[in-house]
Structure formats: structure tokens, C-alpha cells
Amino acid sequence: MLRPRVIPCLLMYDNALVKTVEFKDSKYVGDPINAVKIFNEKEADELIVLDIGATSKSTKPNFNLIKKLAAECRMPLCYGGGITSADQAIQLVDIGVEKVAISSAAISKPSMVKEFVSAVGGQSIVVILDVFKNKKMFSSNYEVRSHNGNNLCKDNIFSLIKTFQDLGVGEIVINSIERDGLMQGYDLELVSKIKPISTIPFTFLGGAGSLEHIKELFDNFGIVGASAGSLFVFKGKYRAVLINYPSKEIKDKLYLKKI
């Protein structure tokens, strides 16, 4: 039976784990290999690892480190950051990455996505759309941005979703920029606009600050992916660094819809 997924998202910069707030002010939170080991023990559904420095610095993926992460990881691993060619996607899959995430490259040249899909199969390609809710606009106020939120995309989010679904990608991750690290809940309004047009799996990232936020997403929208960063690396009001993840028993309760 298909179930919603609860997915930790880890950010890397200079090979270290960091956490950001609204895509800024990164804070060091630890070693990526150690974090993977802990999520193994806690039996996480999946794991997303994004190198946020790779695109901004125009560097290639650190294949040596990714190979170590993939070898350690006992759950499906999605990696993104600095991927600009189908050959790199092939190399990532060959070293054990189940899902290859592309963002800036896909947005700047959507036709390239077809090359990725042909190279490793659509089931292995994930497109990440970083979305910013511009409250100064009166209509179509969801902007898609790339390069860590610095570049504005000319296409709107809904046309991009249709394009990438038609190109055969296996999944789309929607990442809310203005909710990143604030732990105030998902943008359910945005999810409500996307869910009716989705024909493939979607994962939502940005804003989760409690398991109740994840349950709210599942209760309202069913089988989706709920991803979070701060929720799974911080603990308590002082945001002490502590890798955590709900037990199977607690996750089962997240799936039970309130009546």
C-alpha cells in the first residue's frame, strides 16, 4: 500500500552539513556521514542531500563524498547540487544514488531534462523548484527562482510543472524559500494549487516545525512527500543540534486522518 513519505533534507556547503533560514545565514550542524548513520538507525523513509554551494560556486558534485554517503545510506538517497550533464547523472546512479535532483540546470534549459531522463530513466530524475511567494504581487504571486534563490525564472510554477511532468521526470520537489528554516508550517495554499494538477509524486519542503505540520499536510493532501530540514536537525526552542526522526509507531499515527 502506498503511504506518504517523511523525508529529512540535509544541506551541504564545503562538505559540511549546514542549515539555512530563508536560504541565508547558514549554520554549521555537523558531519554528513554521521547524520546518514543516525538516519539509518532511525529507519528514515528516504534522504535528500543538497549541496547548496555547488551551483553558486559552479563546481561539480564531489563524487568521492557522495560515493561514501551512498555506501553508508540504507534508505533511498536523492542527491542534488552542481549537476549539469547527463554523464554526471549516470555517474551518480552508478555510485549508488537512487534519485538525481536537478534545479538550476532544468530551469535554465528544460530540454536538457529529456537528456537526463533518457540517460538514467525518469524514475531516477527529480526536479526541485525553489518557490518564493511575492506578497507584493496581486496575481500569480508564486515566483520560481534558481541559484539559491538569487535568479528569477521567467516561467511560472504551473507551466514549469506541466513541462517537467510531460518530459517524464519521476518526481518534483517544491521548496518554499520564504518558509525555509522558520518552522512555521508548510504553505498549504500552494500545495492546494499544485495537487490537482500533479500526475507524478510530489514532495513539499520548507516550513515544517513539528510533526503536527506534517500530519496537517497528509490529512489535507494524502499521499505526498513531507520533507524537512530544521525539524530533523534541531531540538527545542534554542535549536540545539540533535539529529532526530519519528519512530515507526509515531509515523503510523501521522498517516491516520483526523475525523
Protein backbone atom coordinates (compact mmCIF):
# COMPACT_ATOMS: atom_id res chain seq x y z
CA MET A 1 0.00 0.00 0.00
CA LEU A 2 1.29 3.45 -0.91
CA ARG A 3 1.94 5.74 2.01
CA PRO A 4 3.05 9.34 2.41
CA ARG A 5 6.80 9.73 2.94
CA VAL A 6 8.64 11.56 5.72
CA ILE A 7 11.95 12.73 4.29
CA PRO A 8 14.84 14.51 6.04
CA CYS A 9 16.60 17.06 3.83
CA LEU A 10 20.28 17.74 4.55
CA LEU A 11 22.13 20.74 3.16
CA MET A 12 25.86 20.69 2.50
CA TYR A 13 28.29 23.53 2.00
CA ASP A 14 32.03 22.88 1.66
CA ASN A 15 31.37 19.21 2.50
CA ALA A 16 29.82 20.06 5.88
CA LEU A 17 26.20 19.97 6.99
CA VAL A 18 24.57 23.37 7.35
CA LYS A 19 21.08 24.77 7.87
CA THR A 20 19.77 28.00 6.43
CA VAL A 21 16.94 30.42 7.15
CA GLU A 22 15.19 31.74 4.04
CA PHE A 23 18.17 30.47 2.04
CA LYS A 24 20.55 32.71 4.05
CA ASP A 25 22.55 32.66 7.29
CA SER A 26 23.83 29.09 7.08
CA LYS A 27 24.69 27.46 10.39
CA TYR A 28 27.07 24.52 10.75
CA VAL A 29 25.25 21.47 12.12
CA GLY A 30 27.68 18.57 11.73
CA ASP A 31 29.18 15.86 9.58
CA PRO A 32 27.08 14.41 6.73
CA ILE A 33 28.33 10.84 7.12
CA ASN A 34 27.44 10.82 10.80
CA ALA A 35 23.97 12.19 10.03
CA VAL A 36 23.36 9.42 7.48
CA LYS A 37 24.34 6.79 10.06
CA ILE A 38 21.81 8.20 12.54
CA PHE A 39 19.02 8.30 9.96
CA ASN A 40 19.87 4.68 9.09
CA GLU A 41 19.34 3.70 12.72
CA LYS A 42 16.05 5.58 12.80
CA GLU A 43 14.90 3.95 9.55
CA ALA A 44 14.06 7.11 7.63
CA ASP A 45 11.88 6.63 4.54
CA GLU A 46 14.28 8.47 2.24
CA LEU A 47 17.02 11.06 2.42
CA ILE A 48 17.59 14.19 0.35
CA VAL A 49 21.10 15.68 0.31
CA LEU A 50 21.61 19.01 -1.45
CA ASP A 51 24.98 20.68 -1.95
CA ILE A 52 23.93 24.34 -1.89
CA GLY A 53 27.45 25.56 -2.60
CA ALA A 54 27.99 23.61 -5.81
CA THR A 55 25.78 25.66 -8.10
CA SER A 56 26.68 29.04 -6.61
CA LYS A 57 30.39 28.22 -6.95
CA SER A 58 29.96 26.49 -10.34
CA THR A 59 31.65 23.38 -9.01
CA LYS A 60 30.99 19.77 -9.93
CA PRO A 61 29.49 17.29 -7.49
CA ASN A 62 32.01 15.86 -5.01
CA PHE A 63 31.74 12.30 -6.27
CA ASN A 64 34.12 10.91 -3.65
CA LEU A 65 31.98 12.21 -0.79
CA ILE A 66 28.72 11.25 -2.50
CA LYS A 67 30.04 7.72 -3.01
CA LYS A 68 30.72 7.47 0.73
CA LEU A 69 27.25 8.79 1.54
CA ALA A 70 25.61 6.32 -0.85
CA ALA A 71 27.62 3.40 0.53
CA GLU A 72 26.59 4.29 4.07
CA CYS A 73 22.95 5.04 3.27
CA ARG A 74 20.46 2.19 3.80
CA MET A 75 17.49 4.18 2.51
CA PRO A 76 16.82 5.67 -0.95
CA LEU A 77 19.19 8.61 -1.45
CA CYS A 78 18.39 11.68 -3.51
CA TYR A 79 21.34 13.96 -4.28
CA GLY A 80 21.35 17.40 -5.89
CA GLY A 81 23.90 20.16 -6.43
CA GLY A 82 26.19 21.12 -9.30
CA ILE A 83 24.70 18.59 -11.75
CA THR A 84 24.85 19.97 -15.28
CA SER A 85 25.09 16.96 -17.59
CA ALA A 86 23.55 13.56 -18.23
CA ASP A 87 27.00 12.00 -17.84
CA GLN A 88 27.14 13.26 -14.26
CA ALA A 89 23.69 11.78 -13.63
CA ILE A 90 24.90 8.42 -14.92
CA GLN A 91 27.97 8.58 -12.68
CA LEU A 92 25.80 9.38 -9.63
CA VAL A 93 23.49 6.44 -10.30
CA ASP A 94 26.49 4.17 -10.84
CA ILE A 95 27.85 5.00 -7.36
CA GLY A 96 24.56 4.26 -5.66
CA VAL A 97 22.38 7.39 -5.78
CA GLU A 98 18.76 6.37 -6.42
CA LYS A 99 17.45 9.83 -7.34
CA VAL A 100 19.33 12.61 -9.10
CA ALA A 101 17.95 16.07 -8.30
CA ILE A 102 18.35 18.95 -10.72
CA SER A 103 17.16 22.51 -10.32
CA SER A 104 19.06 25.40 -11.92
CA ALA A 105 20.08 23.31 -14.95
CA ALA A 106 16.49 22.17 -15.51
CA ILE A 107 15.07 25.69 -15.23
CA SER A 108 17.66 27.34 -17.48
CA LYS A 109 17.27 24.67 -20.17
CA PRO A 110 14.19 22.44 -19.75
CA SER A 111 15.06 20.50 -22.91
CA MET A 112 18.11 19.16 -21.03
CA VAL A 113 15.77 17.26 -18.73
CA LYS A 114 14.91 14.94 -21.60
CA GLU A 115 18.60 14.02 -21.85
CA PHE A 116 18.68 13.17 -18.14
CA VAL A 117 15.55 11.05 -18.41
CA SER A 118 16.95 9.17 -21.42
CA ALA A 119 20.26 8.60 -19.64
CA VAL A 120 19.07 7.11 -16.33
CA GLY A 121 15.28 6.76 -16.59
CA GLY A 122 12.57 9.12 -15.43
CA GLN A 123 12.17 7.30 -12.12
CA SER A 124 15.66 8.49 -11.15
CA ILE A 125 15.20 12.17 -12.05
CA VAL A 126 13.84 14.69 -9.55
CA VAL A 127 13.32 18.37 -10.36
CA ILE A 128 13.49 20.82 -7.45
CA LEU A 129 11.61 24.09 -7.82
CA ASP A 130 12.54 26.80 -5.32
CA VAL A 131 9.42 28.93 -4.95
CA PHE A 132 9.06 32.37 -3.41
CA LYS A 133 5.68 33.85 -2.50
CA ASN A 134 5.89 37.50 -3.52
CA LYS A 135 3.27 39.24 -1.39
CA LYS A 136 3.67 42.46 -3.39
CA MET A 137 2.08 40.86 -6.44
CA PHE A 138 -1.69 40.64 -6.83
CA SER A 139 -1.89 37.56 -9.04
CA SER A 140 0.33 34.59 -9.88
CA ASN A 141 2.40 35.59 -6.87
CA TYR A 142 4.48 32.41 -6.70
CA GLU A 143 7.86 33.04 -8.31
CA VAL A 144 10.28 30.28 -9.24
CA ARG A 145 13.89 31.15 -8.51
CA SER A 146 17.19 29.37 -9.11
CA HIS A 147 20.81 29.57 -7.95
CA ASN A 148 19.94 29.52 -4.25
CA GLY A 149 17.03 31.88 -4.78
CA ASN A 150 19.06 34.61 -6.49
CA ASN A 151 17.79 34.32 -10.08
CA LEU A 152 14.17 34.87 -11.06
CA CYS A 153 12.71 32.46 -13.61
CA LYS A 154 10.56 33.92 -16.39
CA ASP A 155 8.18 30.94 -16.42
CA ASN A 156 5.52 30.49 -13.75
CA ILE A 157 5.45 27.48 -11.48
CA PHE A 158 2.42 25.84 -13.04
CA SER A 159 3.75 25.91 -16.60
CA LEU A 160 7.08 24.51 -15.35
CA ILE A 161 5.32 21.70 -13.52
CA LYS A 162 3.43 20.76 -16.70
CA THR A 163 6.64 20.91 -18.74
CA PHE A 164 8.61 18.65 -16.40
CA GLN A 165 5.75 16.18 -15.99
CA ASP A 166 5.43 15.96 -19.79
CA LEU A 167 9.19 15.39 -20.08
CA GLY A 168 8.87 12.30 -17.88
CA VAL A 169 10.60 13.18 -14.62
CA GLY A 170 9.82 10.86 -11.73
CA GLU A 171 9.21 13.44 -9.01
CA ILE A 172 9.06 17.17 -8.32
CA VAL A 173 10.12 18.78 -5.05
CA ILE A 174 8.55 22.15 -4.20
CA ASN A 175 10.77 24.13 -1.83
CA SER A 176 9.28 27.25 -0.20
CA ILE A 177 12.04 29.86 0.08
CA GLU A 178 10.31 32.28 2.43
CA ARG A 179 9.44 29.43 4.85
CA ASP A 180 12.90 27.85 4.88
CA GLY A 181 14.13 27.38 8.45
CA LEU A 182 11.28 29.31 10.08
CA MET A 183 9.47 26.13 11.24
CA GLN A 184 6.02 27.75 10.94
CA GLY A 185 4.36 25.15 8.74
CA TYR A 186 4.04 24.26 5.06
CA ASP A 187 2.45 26.58 2.51
CA LEU A 188 -0.81 24.65 2.28
CA GLU A 189 -2.29 27.22 -0.10
CA LEU A 190 0.45 26.43 -2.60
CA VAL A 191 0.01 22.69 -2.11
CA SER A 192 -3.74 23.06 -2.78
CA LYS A 193 -2.96 24.71 -6.14
CA ILE A 194 -0.43 22.07 -7.17
CA LYS A 195 -2.05 18.82 -6.02
CA PRO A 196 -4.94 18.90 -8.55
CA ILE A 197 -2.52 19.19 -11.50
CA SER A 198 0.00 16.63 -10.26
CA THR A 199 0.36 13.42 -12.26
CA ILE A 200 3.58 12.23 -10.58
CA PRO A 201 4.81 12.11 -6.96
CA PHE A 202 5.37 15.48 -5.31
CA THR A 203 7.38 16.31 -2.20
CA PHE A 204 6.98 19.57 -0.28
CA LEU A 205 9.85 21.19 1.59
CA GLY A 206 10.14 24.35 3.65
CA GLY A 207 8.44 25.31 6.88
CA ALA A 208 7.88 22.12 8.88
CA GLY A 209 8.50 22.81 12.56
CA SER A 210 6.59 19.97 14.16
CA LEU A 211 5.15 16.56 13.36
CA GLU A 212 1.73 18.21 13.53
CA HIS A 213 2.70 20.25 10.46
CA ILE A 214 3.49 17.00 8.63
CA LYS A 215 0.22 15.45 9.76
CA GLU A 216 -1.66 18.53 8.56
CA LEU A 217 -0.08 18.10 5.13
CA PHE A 218 -1.03 14.41 5.00
CA ASP A 219 -4.55 14.97 6.33
CA ASN A 220 -5.29 17.55 3.66
CA PHE A 221 -3.46 16.13 0.66
CA GLY A 222 -2.98 12.40 1.12
CA ILE A 223 -0.05 10.64 -0.48
CA VAL A 224 2.69 13.23 -0.81
CA GLY A 225 6.25 13.53 0.42
CA ALA A 226 6.80 15.69 3.50
CA SER A 227 10.40 16.84 3.67
CA ALA A 228 12.04 18.93 6.37
CA GLY A 229 15.44 20.17 7.42
CA SER A 230 15.30 22.08 10.71
CA LEU A 231 12.74 19.71 12.20
CA PHE A 232 15.16 16.79 11.92
CA VAL A 233 18.42 18.52 12.88
CA PHE A 234 17.32 20.83 15.72
CA LYS A 235 15.62 20.22 19.04
CA GLY A 236 13.88 22.61 21.42
CA LYS A 237 13.30 26.37 21.38
CA TYR A 238 17.05 27.06 21.48
CA ARG A 239 17.55 24.97 18.31
CA ALA A 240 20.21 22.72 19.77
CA VAL A 241 21.68 20.46 17.11
CA LEU A 242 20.24 16.96 17.52
CA ILE A 243 19.56 14.59 14.63
CA ASN A 244 16.09 13.12 15.15
CA TYR A 245 13.32 11.30 13.28
CA PRO A 246 9.94 9.85 14.34
CA SER A 247 9.66 6.18 15.26
CA LYS A 248 7.55 3.80 13.18
CA GLU A 249 4.78 3.98 15.79
CA ILE A 250 4.69 7.77 15.67
CA LYS A 251 4.79 7.79 11.87
CA ASP A 252 1.81 5.42 11.76
CA LYS A 253 -0.17 8.00 13.71
CA LEU A 254 0.76 10.68 11.20
CA TYR A 255 -0.96 8.66 8.49
CA LEU A 256 -4.27 8.41 10.40
CA LYS A 257 -6.53 11.15 9.14
CA LYS A 258 -8.46 13.13 11.71
CA ILE A 259 -12.25 12.76 11.53
